Amino acid sequence: MSSDLDARHFHDEEAARLFLEEVRWPVGPICPHCGSVGNAYKTKKIGVYRCGARECRKDFTVRVGTLFERSHIPLHTWLLASHLLTSSKKGMSSHQMHRMLGVTYKTAWFMTMRIREAMRELHPVESGPLGGANKVVEVEETYVGGKEANKHASKRLHRGRGAVGKEPVVTLVEREGKVRSFHVADVTTRTLKPILKQQINAASYIMTDESAVYPAAAREFSGHGTVSHSIEEYVRGQFYHTNTVKNYFSILKRGIMGTYHHVSRAHFHRFGLGVSDAERAIAALKGIDGKRLTYRGSQGR
């Protein structure tokens, strides 16, 4: 019985190059220097193209202008690492990647940082707000770090730092759509209102729990539904629930506790639903353009 990991592009460099070219250039090579489409032609060097635009004429490969540019790591190793990281439900630590790929820990750490960079939206606002007409966006907060015993104290205080030692994260989930998470100083109407306004289409229907911070923050949207977790109400009429965002939090926390163990404030921003492992890996690969990350640059992220 074969598995995704048996795919040739995970083990053969030429197959890996052809696979990435198909993912990155579905309609033909695009010159990373001038942006010309359909003018490139193959040179005598394998995998090297030359732009045919009169004002350019520069050579390039599928790696140029991506996270993989100037990397000495074989491309098939990059593709395998991308698949492993995106298909592991709890994520994968750099130590585990180092053991599975047979590379040094430093190399594995750098690879995982780059792949996560590919999965991050460069400009969430420019990519468009979540939701829209006839769409539901679930909003809820969770608290990461510290002791489990402090969880409820954190919610009462609307903060995840200081005395209780937990960091608050607010997540917006478009049902059957994208997820966006934000590390916030505290969970108040004042903090959440600008985030919701900037990140969610005004025509959306907002779904939350009964927390008092949400009614005022959700006032400018087409509607606002709630469920009362305090009385153990989790689903009402199949429409009223926040189970989508809770499922996301479950995966996030299992990853932190079982894989990463600790997440610093600097990396909170690195956190699609309903896609296969292969589709998720391809989606990550499509995010490699324009995100070249040096080792020195990644140390400060």
C-alpha atoms as a PDB file:
ATOM      1  CA  MET A   1       0.000   0.000   0.000  1.00  0.00           C
ATOM      2  CA  SER A   2       1.527   3.294  -1.099  1.00  0.00           C
ATOM      3  CA  SER A   3       1.408   6.562   0.818  1.00  0.00           C
ATOM      4  CA  ASP A   4       1.940  10.228   0.023  1.00  0.00           C
ATOM      5  CA  LEU A   5       5.558   9.850   1.164  1.00  0.00           C
ATOM      6  CA  ASP A   6       6.249   7.433  -1.699  1.00  0.00           C
ATOM      7  CA  ALA A   7       5.783  10.222  -4.259  1.00  0.00           C
ATOM      8  CA  ARG A   8       8.814  10.519  -6.526  1.00  0.00           C
ATOM      9  CA  HIS A   9       9.288  14.253  -5.941  1.00  0.00           C
ATOM     10  CA  PHE A  10      10.156  13.526  -2.298  1.00  0.00           C
ATOM     11  CA  HIS A  11      13.110  11.365  -3.331  1.00  0.00           C
ATOM     12  CA  ASP A  12      14.320  12.529  -6.749  1.00  0.00           C
ATOM     13  CA  GLU A  13      15.755  15.984  -7.473  1.00  0.00           C
ATOM     14  CA  GLU A  14      14.592  16.250 -11.080  1.00  0.00           C
ATOM     15  CA  ALA A  15      11.069  15.135 -10.154  1.00  0.00           C
ATOM     16  CA  ALA A  16      11.087  17.688  -7.334  1.00  0.00           C
ATOM     17  CA  ARG A  17      12.029  20.487  -9.731  1.00  0.00           C
ATOM     18  CA  LEU A  18       9.294  19.550 -12.211  1.00  0.00           C
ATOM     19  CA  PHE A  19       6.739  19.296  -9.392  1.00  0.00           C
ATOM     20  CA  LEU A  20       7.600  22.744  -8.012  1.00  0.00           C
ATOM     21  CA  GLU A  21       7.517  24.252 -11.510  1.00  0.00           C
ATOM     22  CA  GLU A  22       4.003  22.881 -11.983  1.00  0.00           C
ATOM     23  CA  VAL A  23       2.870  24.270  -8.626  1.00  0.00           C
ATOM     24  CA  ARG A  24       4.504  27.663  -9.055  1.00  0.00           C
ATOM     25  CA  TRP A  25       4.040  28.114 -12.823  1.00  0.00           C
ATOM     26  CA  PRO A  26       0.774  26.394 -13.829  1.00  0.00           C
ATOM     27  CA  VAL A  27       0.626  28.427 -17.064  1.00  0.00           C
ATOM     28  CA  GLY A  28       4.347  28.416 -17.828  1.00  0.00           C
ATOM     29  CA  PRO A  29       7.563  29.982 -16.453  1.00  0.00           C
ATOM     30  CA  ILE A  30       7.285  33.501 -15.046  1.00  0.00           C
ATOM     31  CA  CYS A  31      10.441  35.593 -14.982  1.00  0.00           C
ATOM     32  CA  PRO A  32      11.156  36.610 -11.352  1.00  0.00           C
ATOM     33  CA  HIS A  33      13.233  39.558 -12.584  1.00  0.00           C
ATOM     34  CA  CYS A  34      10.725  41.379 -14.808  1.00  0.00           C
ATOM     35  CA  GLY A  35       7.486  39.453 -14.291  1.00  0.00           C
ATOM     36  CA  SER A  36       7.189  38.472 -17.953  1.00  0.00           C
ATOM     37  CA  VAL A  37       4.887  35.486 -18.596  1.00  0.00           C
ATOM     38  CA  GLY A  38       5.302  33.078 -21.493  1.00  0.00           C
ATOM     39  CA  ASN A  39       8.548  34.560 -22.859  1.00  0.00           C
ATOM     40  CA  ALA A  40      11.059  32.263 -21.171  1.00  0.00           C
ATOM     41  CA  TYR A  41      12.825  29.398 -22.893  1.00  0.00           C
ATOM     42  CA  LYS A  42      15.033  26.564 -21.657  1.00  0.00           C
ATOM     43  CA  THR A  43      18.803  26.891 -21.746  1.00  0.00           C
ATOM     44  CA  LYS A  44      21.306  24.036 -22.069  1.00  0.00           C
ATOM     45  CA  LYS A  45      21.535  23.846 -18.286  1.00  0.00           C
ATOM     46  CA  ILE A  46      18.907  21.616 -16.695  1.00  0.00           C
ATOM     47  CA  GLY A  47      16.268  23.642 -14.893  1.00  0.00           C
ATOM     48  CA  VAL A  48      17.619  26.997 -16.052  1.00  0.00           C
ATOM     49  CA  TYR A  49      15.388  29.317 -18.103  1.00  0.00           C
ATOM     50  CA  ARG A  50      16.213  32.555 -19.889  1.00  0.00           C
ATOM     51  CA  CYS A  51      13.747  35.417 -20.095  1.00  0.00           C
ATOM     52  CA  GLY A  52      12.941  36.296 -23.704  1.00  0.00           C
ATOM     53  CA  ALA A  53      11.812  39.844 -22.938  1.00  0.00           C
ATOM     54  CA  ARG A  54      14.112  42.255 -24.790  1.00  0.00           C
ATOM     55  CA  GLU A  55      14.710  44.446 -21.738  1.00  0.00           C
ATOM     56  CA  CYS A  56      15.541  41.505 -19.456  1.00  0.00           C
ATOM     57  CA  ARG A  57      17.252  38.421 -20.961  1.00  0.00           C
ATOM     58  CA  LYS A  58      18.196  37.152 -17.477  1.00  0.00           C
ATOM     59  CA  ASP A  59      18.532  33.512 -16.442  1.00  0.00           C
ATOM     60  CA  PHE A  60      16.508  32.002 -13.593  1.00  0.00           C
ATOM     61  CA  THR A  61      15.348  28.757 -12.018  1.00  0.00           C
ATOM     62  CA  VAL A  62      12.176  27.875 -10.144  1.00  0.00           C
ATOM     63  CA  ARG A  63      13.975  28.622  -6.856  1.00  0.00           C
ATOM     64  CA  VAL A  64      14.755  32.271  -7.674  1.00  0.00           C
ATOM     65  CA  GLY A  65      12.622  34.742  -5.718  1.00  0.00           C
ATOM     66  CA  THR A  66      11.448  32.101  -3.251  1.00  0.00           C
ATOM     67  CA  LEU A  67      12.330  30.799   0.199  1.00  0.00           C
ATOM     68  CA  PHE A  68      14.500  28.172  -1.511  1.00  0.00           C
ATOM     69  CA  GLU A  69      16.773  30.612  -3.358  1.00  0.00           C
ATOM     70  CA  ARG A  70      20.499  30.002  -2.792  1.00  0.00           C
ATOM     71  CA  SER A  71      19.759  27.101  -0.470  1.00  0.00           C
ATOM     72  CA  HIS A  72      22.251  24.217  -0.633  1.00  0.00           C
ATOM     73  CA  ILE A  73      19.599  21.808   0.662  1.00  0.00           C
ATOM     74  CA  PRO A  74      18.255  19.511  -2.107  1.00  0.00           C
ATOM     75  CA  LEU A  75      14.860  20.569  -3.394  1.00  0.00           C
ATOM     76  CA  HIS A  76      13.339  17.118  -2.803  1.00  0.00           C
ATOM     77  CA  THR A  77      14.345  17.455   0.876  1.00  0.00           C
ATOM     78  CA  TRP A  78      12.585  20.826   1.038  1.00  0.00           C
ATOM     79  CA  LEU A  79       9.415  19.313  -0.459  1.00  0.00           C
ATOM     80  CA  LEU A  80       9.462  16.393   1.974  1.00  0.00           C
ATOM     81  CA  ALA A  81       9.974  18.749   4.911  1.00  0.00           C
ATOM     82  CA  SER A  82       7.064  20.912   3.722  1.00  0.00           C
ATOM     83  CA  HIS A  83       4.797  17.880   3.477  1.00  0.00           C
ATOM     84  CA  LEU A  84       5.789  16.530   6.900  1.00  0.00           C
ATOM     85  CA  LEU A  85       5.285  19.885   8.614  1.00  0.00           C
ATOM     86  CA  THR A  86       1.934  20.683   7.003  1.00  0.00           C
ATOM     87  CA  SER A  87       0.469  17.174   7.285  1.00  0.00           C
ATOM     88  CA  SER A  88       1.324  16.690  10.954  1.00  0.00           C
ATOM     89  CA  LYS A  89      -1.826  17.708  12.809  1.00  0.00           C
ATOM     90  CA  LYS A  90       0.064  18.793  15.925  1.00  0.00           C
ATOM     91  CA  GLY A  91       2.924  20.299  13.951  1.00  0.00           C
ATOM     92  CA  MET A  92       6.448  18.938  14.004  1.00  0.00           C
ATOM     93  CA  SER A  93       9.408  20.079  16.069  1.00  0.00           C
ATOM     94  CA  SER A  94      12.738  20.901  14.481  1.00  0.00           C
ATOM     95  CA  HIS A  95      14.301  18.075  16.514  1.00  0.00           C
ATOM     96  CA  GLN A  96      11.919  15.566  14.936  1.00  0.00           C
ATOM     97  CA  MET A  97      12.557  17.029  11.479  1.00  0.00           C
ATOM     98  CA  HIS A  98      16.315  16.763  12.064  1.00  0.00           C
ATOM     99  CA  ARG A  99      15.966  13.067  12.938  1.00  0.00           C
ATOM    100  CA  MET A 100      13.636  12.187  10.046  1.00  0.00           C
ATOM    101  CA  LEU A 101      15.514  14.054   7.305  1.00  0.00           C
ATOM    102  CA  GLY A 102      19.029  13.268   8.467  1.00  0.00           C
ATOM    103  CA  VAL A 103      20.074  16.933   8.505  1.00  0.00           C
ATOM    104  CA  THR A 104      21.609  18.906  11.371  1.00  0.00           C
ATOM    105  CA  TYR A 105      19.328  20.420  13.975  1.00  0.00           C
ATOM    106  CA  LYS A 106      20.370  23.931  12.875  1.00  0.00           C
ATOM    107  CA  THR A 107      19.382  23.115   9.282  1.00  0.00           C
ATOM    108  CA  ALA A 108      16.067  21.564  10.365  1.00  0.00           C
ATOM    109  CA  TRP A 109      15.242  24.589  12.536  1.00  0.00           C
ATOM    110  CA  PHE A 110      15.975  26.956   9.662  1.00  0.00           C
ATOM    111  CA  MET A 111      13.839  24.874   7.265  1.00  0.00           C
ATOM    112  CA  THR A 112      10.842  24.795   9.604  1.00  0.00           C
ATOM    113  CA  MET A 113      11.071  28.558  10.117  1.00  0.00           C
ATOM    114  CA  ARG A 114      11.099  29.141   6.375  1.00  0.00           C
ATOM    115  CA  ILE A 115       8.189  26.783   5.701  1.00  0.00           C
ATOM    116  CA  ARG A 116       6.091  28.470   8.395  1.00  0.00           C
ATOM    117  CA  GLU A 117       6.948  31.789   6.779  1.00  0.00           C
ATOM    118  CA  ALA A 118       5.531  30.441   3.511  1.00  0.00           C
ATOM    119  CA  MET A 119       2.262  29.588   5.279  1.00  0.00           C
ATOM    120  CA  ARG A 120       1.908  33.054   6.755  1.00  0.00           C
ATOM    121  CA  GLU A 121      -0.130  35.650   4.883  1.00  0.00           C
ATOM    122  CA  LEU A 122       2.151  38.554   3.964  1.00  0.00           C
ATOM    123  CA  HIS A 123      -0.615  41.154   4.202  1.00  0.00           C
ATOM    124  CA  PRO A 124      -3.894  39.772   5.681  1.00  0.00           C
ATOM    125  CA  VAL A 125      -5.669  43.083   5.018  1.00  0.00           C
ATOM    126  CA  GLU A 126      -4.597  43.105   1.356  1.00  0.00           C
ATOM    127  CA  SER A 127      -5.714  39.487   0.907  1.00  0.00           C
ATOM    128  CA  GLY A 128      -9.201  40.580   1.875  1.00  0.00           C
ATOM    129  CA  PRO A 129     -11.319  40.397   5.022  1.00  0.00           C
ATOM    130  CA  LEU A 130     -12.811  37.176   6.309  1.00  0.00           C
ATOM    131  CA  GLY A 131     -16.468  36.360   5.780  1.00  0.00           C
ATOM    132  CA  GLY A 132     -18.975  38.323   3.749  1.00  0.00           C
ATOM    133  CA  ALA A 133     -22.679  38.136   2.923  1.00  0.00           C
ATOM    134  CA  ASN A 134     -24.292  34.904   4.192  1.00  0.00           C
ATOM    135  CA  LYS A 135     -21.049  33.835   5.881  1.00  0.00           C
ATOM    136  CA  VAL A 136     -20.335  33.182   9.549  1.00  0.00           C
ATOM    137  CA  VAL A 137     -17.130  34.140  11.356  1.00  0.00           C
ATOM    138  CA  GLU A 138     -16.590  32.602  14.781  1.00  0.00           C
ATOM    139  CA  VAL A 139     -14.605  34.655  17.293  1.00  0.00           C
ATOM    140  CA  GLU A 140     -13.186  33.440  20.575  1.00  0.00           C
ATOM    141  CA  GLU A 141     -10.186  33.869  22.829  1.00  0.00           C
ATOM    142  CA  THR A 142      -7.929  31.327  24.469  1.00  0.00           C
ATOM    143  CA  TYR A 143      -5.034  31.558  26.902  1.00  0.00           C
ATOM    144  CA  VAL A 144      -1.662  30.020  26.139  1.00  0.00           C
ATOM    145  CA  GLY A 145       1.176  29.172  28.529  1.00  0.00           C
ATOM    146  CA  GLY A 146       1.337  29.189  32.307  1.00  0.00           C
ATOM    147  CA  LYS A 147      -0.439  26.664  34.481  1.00  0.00           C
ATOM    148  CA  GLU A 148      -3.740  25.026  33.549  1.00  0.00           C
ATOM    149  CA  ALA A 149      -5.069  25.909  37.002  1.00  0.00           C
ATOM    150  CA  ASN A 150      -4.832  29.590  36.069  1.00  0.00           C
ATOM    151  CA  LYS A 151      -7.037  29.279  32.956  1.00  0.00           C
ATOM    152  CA  HIS A 152     -10.286  30.479  34.528  1.00  0.00           C
ATOM    153  CA  ALA A 153      -8.543  33.224  36.485  1.00  0.00           C
ATOM    154  CA  SER A 154      -7.166  34.454  33.169  1.00  0.00           C
ATOM    155  CA  LYS A 155     -10.629  34.640  31.638  1.00  0.00           C
ATOM    156  CA  ARG A 156     -12.038  36.533  34.591  1.00  0.00           C
ATOM    157  CA  LEU A 157      -9.232  39.077  34.457  1.00  0.00           C
ATOM    158  CA  HIS A 158      -9.338  39.302  30.611  1.00  0.00           C
ATOM    159  CA  ARG A 159      -5.598  39.021  30.450  1.00  0.00           C
ATOM    160  CA  GLY A 160      -3.022  36.278  30.113  1.00  0.00           C
ATOM    161  CA  ARG A 161       0.029  37.849  31.669  1.00  0.00           C
ATOM    162  CA  GLY A 162       1.237  39.290  34.941  1.00  0.00           C
ATOM    163  CA  ALA A 163      -0.181  37.531  37.979  1.00  0.00           C
ATOM    164  CA  VAL A 164      -1.718  34.574  36.167  1.00  0.00           C
ATOM    165  CA  GLY A 165       1.108  34.116  33.645  1.00  0.00           C
ATOM    166  CA  LYS A 166      -0.940  33.258  30.559  1.00  0.00           C
ATOM    167  CA  GLU A 167      -0.987  34.990  27.155  1.00  0.00           C
ATOM    168  CA  PRO A 168      -4.335  35.769  25.467  1.00  0.00           C
ATOM    169  CA  VAL A 169      -4.831  34.832  21.806  1.00  0.00           C
ATOM    170  CA  VAL A 170      -7.946  35.868  19.876  1.00  0.00           C
ATOM    171  CA  THR A 171      -8.872  33.807  16.829  1.00  0.00           C
ATOM    172  CA  LEU A 172     -11.256  34.534  13.954  1.00  0.00           C
ATOM    173  CA  VAL A 173     -12.460  31.513  11.960  1.00  0.00           C
ATOM    174  CA  GLU A 174     -14.529  31.793   8.808  1.00  0.00           C
ATOM    175  CA  ARG A 175     -16.622  28.627   8.598  1.00  0.00           C
ATOM    176  CA  GLU A 176     -15.262  26.556   5.691  1.00  0.00           C
ATOM    177  CA  GLY A 177     -12.638  29.271   5.229  1.00  0.00           C
ATOM    178  CA  LYS A 178      -9.506  30.835   6.670  1.00  0.00           C
ATOM    179  CA  VAL A 179      -8.242  31.325  10.216  1.00  0.00           C
ATOM    180  CA  ARG A 180      -6.479  34.353  11.665  1.00  0.00           C
ATOM    181  CA  SER A 181      -5.060  34.582  15.180  1.00  0.00           C
ATOM    182  CA  PHE A 182      -3.856  37.594  17.131  1.00  0.00           C
ATOM    183  CA  HIS A 183      -1.818  37.822  20.302  1.00  0.00           C
ATOM    184  CA  VAL A 184      -3.413  40.655  22.292  1.00  0.00           C
ATOM    185  CA  ALA A 185      -2.501  42.494  25.469  1.00  0.00           C
ATOM    186  CA  ASP A 186      -5.932  41.830  26.990  1.00  0.00           C
ATOM    187  CA  VAL A 187      -9.403  40.685  25.960  1.00  0.00           C
ATOM    188  CA  THR A 188     -11.617  43.756  26.097  1.00  0.00           C
ATOM    189  CA  THR A 189     -14.037  45.483  23.745  1.00  0.00           C
ATOM    190  CA  ARG A 190     -11.473  48.228  23.240  1.00  0.00           C
ATOM    191  CA  THR A 191      -8.850  45.707  22.110  1.00  0.00           C
ATOM    192  CA  LEU A 192     -11.085  43.467  20.000  1.00  0.00           C
ATOM    193  CA  LYS A 193     -13.227  46.013  18.160  1.00  0.00           C
ATOM    194  CA  PRO A 194     -10.481  47.339  15.828  1.00  0.00           C
ATOM    195  CA  ILE A 195      -9.316  43.788  15.055  1.00  0.00           C
ATOM    196  CA  LEU A 196     -12.813  42.639  14.086  1.00  0.00           C
ATOM    197  CA  LYS A 197     -13.438  45.776  12.059  1.00  0.00           C
ATOM    198  CA  GLN A 198     -10.200  45.423  10.110  1.00  0.00           C
ATOM    199  CA  GLN A 199     -10.231  41.668   9.586  1.00  0.00           C
ATOM    200  CA  ILE A 200     -13.919  40.796   9.012  1.00  0.00           C
ATOM    201  CA  ASN A 201     -16.289  41.883   6.248  1.00  0.00           C
ATOM    202  CA  ALA A 202     -19.097  44.028   7.685  1.00  0.00           C
ATOM    203  CA  ALA A 203     -21.695  41.822   5.945  1.00  0.00           C
ATOM    204  CA  SER A 204     -20.633  38.804   8.038  1.00  0.00           C
ATOM    205  CA  TYR A 205     -22.592  37.185  10.848  1.00  0.00           C
ATOM    206  CA  ILE A 206     -20.488  37.023  14.022  1.00  0.00           C
ATOM    207  CA  MET A 207     -20.736  34.014  16.344  1.00  0.00           C
ATOM    208  CA  THR A 208     -19.283  34.084  19.875  1.00  0.00           C
ATOM    209  CA  ASP A 209     -19.845  32.769  23.376  1.00  0.00           C
ATOM    210  CA  GLU A 210     -21.729  34.856  25.965  1.00  0.00           C
ATOM    211  CA  SER A 211     -18.711  36.950  27.013  1.00  0.00           C
ATOM    212  CA  ALA A 212     -19.652  40.572  27.709  1.00  0.00           C
ATOM    213  CA  VAL A 213     -16.776  41.897  25.560  1.00  0.00           C
ATOM    214  CA  TYR A 214     -18.324  40.808  22.241  1.00  0.00           C
ATOM    215  CA  PRO A 215     -21.724  42.555  21.845  1.00  0.00           C
ATOM    216  CA  ALA A 216     -20.231  46.040  21.459  1.00  0.00           C
ATOM    217  CA  ALA A 217     -17.343  44.761  19.329  1.00  0.00           C
ATOM    218  CA  ALA A 218     -19.747  42.946  16.956  1.00  0.00           C
ATOM    219  CA  ARG A 219     -22.325  45.722  16.724  1.00  0.00           C
ATOM    220  CA  GLU A 220     -21.274  46.919  13.255  1.00  0.00           C
ATOM    221  CA  PHE A 221     -21.798  43.548  11.550  1.00  0.00           C
ATOM    222  CA  SER A 222     -24.926  42.064   9.952  1.00  0.00           C
ATOM    223  CA  GLY A 223     -25.708  39.968  12.997  1.00  0.00           C
ATOM    224  CA  HIS A 224     -24.348  38.504  16.200  1.00  0.00           C
ATOM    225  CA  GLY A 225     -25.271  35.114  17.631  1.00  0.00           C
ATOM    226  CA  THR A 226     -24.144  33.576  20.915  1.00  0.00           C
ATOM    227  CA  VAL A 227     -24.120  30.318  22.823  1.00  0.00           C
ATOM    228  CA  SER A 228     -23.928  30.150  26.617  1.00  0.00           C
ATOM    229  CA  HIS A 229     -21.087  27.885  27.626  1.00  0.00           C
ATOM    230  CA  SER A 230     -21.663  28.778  31.293  1.00  0.00           C
ATOM    231  CA  ILE A 231     -24.903  26.768  31.207  1.00  0.00           C
ATOM    232  CA  GLU A 232     -23.305  24.047  29.061  1.00  0.00           C
ATOM    233  CA  GLU A 233     -24.967  25.173  25.853  1.00  0.00           C
ATOM    234  CA  TYR A 234     -22.609  24.389  22.997  1.00  0.00           C
ATOM    235  CA  VAL A 235     -24.901  23.944  19.987  1.00  0.00           C
ATOM    236  CA  ARG A 236     -28.340  25.372  19.305  1.00  0.00           C
ATOM    237  CA  GLY A 237     -30.185  24.424  16.141  1.00  0.00           C
ATOM    238  CA  GLN A 238     -26.924  23.335  14.433  1.00  0.00           C
ATOM    239  CA  PHE A 239     -26.229  26.955  13.459  1.00  0.00           C
ATOM    240  CA  TYR A 240     -25.419  28.580  16.794  1.00  0.00           C
ATOM    241  CA  HIS A 241     -22.053  27.268  17.974  1.00  0.00           C
ATOM    242  CA  THR A 242     -18.347  28.115  18.178  1.00  0.00           C
ATOM    243  CA  ASN A 243     -17.169  24.552  17.625  1.00  0.00           C
ATOM    244  CA  THR A 244     -15.053  25.458  14.586  1.00  0.00           C
ATOM    245  CA  VAL A 245     -12.835  27.846  16.521  1.00  0.00           C
ATOM    246  CA  LYS A 246     -12.740  25.471  19.505  1.00  0.00           C
ATOM    247  CA  ASN A 247     -11.501  22.670  17.248  1.00  0.00           C
ATOM    248  CA  TYR A 248      -8.763  25.003  16.029  1.00  0.00           C
ATOM    249  CA  PHE A 249      -7.740  25.799  19.608  1.00  0.00           C
ATOM    250  CA  SER A 250      -7.663  22.082  20.409  1.00  0.00           C
ATOM    251  CA  ILE A 251      -5.163  21.409  17.612  1.00  0.00           C
ATOM    252  CA  LEU A 252      -3.125  24.497  18.511  1.00  0.00           C
ATOM    253  CA  LYS A 253      -2.790  23.498  22.164  1.00  0.00           C
ATOM    254  CA  ARG A 254      -2.051  19.846  21.413  1.00  0.00           C
ATOM    255  CA  GLY A 255       0.755  21.074  19.187  1.00  0.00           C
ATOM    256  CA  ILE A 256       2.176  23.319  21.881  1.00  0.00           C
ATOM    257  CA  MET A 257       1.926  20.746  24.671  1.00  0.00           C
ATOM    258  CA  GLY A 258       2.917  17.666  22.695  1.00  0.00           C
ATOM    259  CA  THR A 259       5.357  19.048  20.123  1.00  0.00           C
ATOM    260  CA  TYR A 260       6.725  22.509  20.849  1.00  0.00           C
ATOM    261  CA  HIS A 261       6.212  22.623  24.652  1.00  0.00           C
ATOM    262  CA  HIS A 262       6.817  26.376  24.719  1.00  0.00           C
ATOM    263  CA  VAL A 263       5.953  29.221  22.348  1.00  0.00           C
ATOM    264  CA  SER A 264       7.498  32.633  22.901  1.00  0.00           C
ATOM    265  CA  ARG A 265       5.595  35.870  22.311  1.00  0.00           C
ATOM    266  CA  ALA A 266       7.751  36.507  19.230  1.00  0.00           C
ATOM    267  CA  HIS A 267       6.350  33.410  17.504  1.00  0.00           C
ATOM    268  CA  PHE A 268       2.640  33.678  18.359  1.00  0.00           C
ATOM    269  CA  HIS A 269       1.922  35.105  14.892  1.00  0.00           C
ATOM    270  CA  ARG A 270       2.931  31.826  13.242  1.00  0.00           C
ATOM    271  CA  PHE A 271      -0.223  30.038  14.162  1.00  0.00           C
ATOM    272  CA  GLY A 272      -7.081  26.257   6.199  1.00  0.00           C
ATOM    273  CA  LEU A 273      -9.390  24.033   7.347  1.00  0.00           C
ATOM    274  CA  GLY A 274     -10.942  21.147   5.416  1.00  0.00           C
ATOM    275  CA  VAL A 275      -8.113  20.252   3.008  1.00  0.00           C
ATOM    276  CA  SER A 276      -6.024  17.116   2.484  1.00  0.00           C
ATOM    277  CA  ASP A 277      -2.389  16.775   3.536  1.00  0.00           C
ATOM    278  CA  ALA A 278      -1.216  17.068  -0.071  1.00  0.00           C
ATOM    279  CA  GLU A 279      -3.408  20.125  -0.704  1.00  0.00           C
ATOM    280  CA  ARG A 280      -2.150  21.766   2.469  1.00  0.00           C
ATOM    281  CA  ALA A 281       1.470  21.187   1.424  1.00  0.00           C
ATOM    282  CA  ILE A 282       0.808  22.648  -2.034  1.00  0.00           C
ATOM    283  CA  ALA A 283      -0.912  25.668  -0.467  1.00  0.00           C
ATOM    284  CA  ALA A 284       2.214  26.244   1.646  1.00  0.00           C
ATOM    285  CA  LEU A 285       4.442  25.963  -1.429  1.00  0.00           C
ATOM    286  CA  LYS A 286       2.353  28.576  -3.212  1.00  0.00           C
ATOM    287  CA  GLY A 287       3.306  30.995  -0.442  1.00  0.00           C
ATOM    288  CA  ILE A 288       7.063  30.794  -1.063  1.00  0.00           C
ATOM    289  CA  ASP A 289       7.226  33.742  -3.492  1.00  0.00           C
ATOM    290  CA  GLY A 290       8.852  36.905  -2.184  1.00  0.00           C
ATOM    291  CA  LYS A 291       9.607  35.508   1.267  1.00  0.00           C
ATOM    292  CA  ARG A 292      13.313  34.811   1.199  1.00  0.00           C
ATOM    293  CA  LEU A 293      14.410  34.488   4.825  1.00  0.00           C
ATOM    294  CA  THR A 294      18.067  34.452   5.815  1.00  0.00           C
ATOM    295  CA  TYR A 295      19.305  32.534   8.845  1.00  0.00           C
ATOM    296  CA  ARG A 296      20.259  35.777  10.569  1.00  0.00           C
ATOM    297  CA  GLY A 297      16.859  37.313   9.808  1.00  0.00           C
ATOM    298  CA  SER A 298      14.988  34.292  11.129  1.00  0.00           C
ATOM    299  CA  GLN A 299      16.797  34.437  14.487  1.00  0.00           C
ATOM    300  CA  GLY A 300      15.025  37.676  15.320  1.00  0.00           C
ATOM    301  CA  ARG A 301      11.564  36.468  14.437  1.00  0.00           C
END
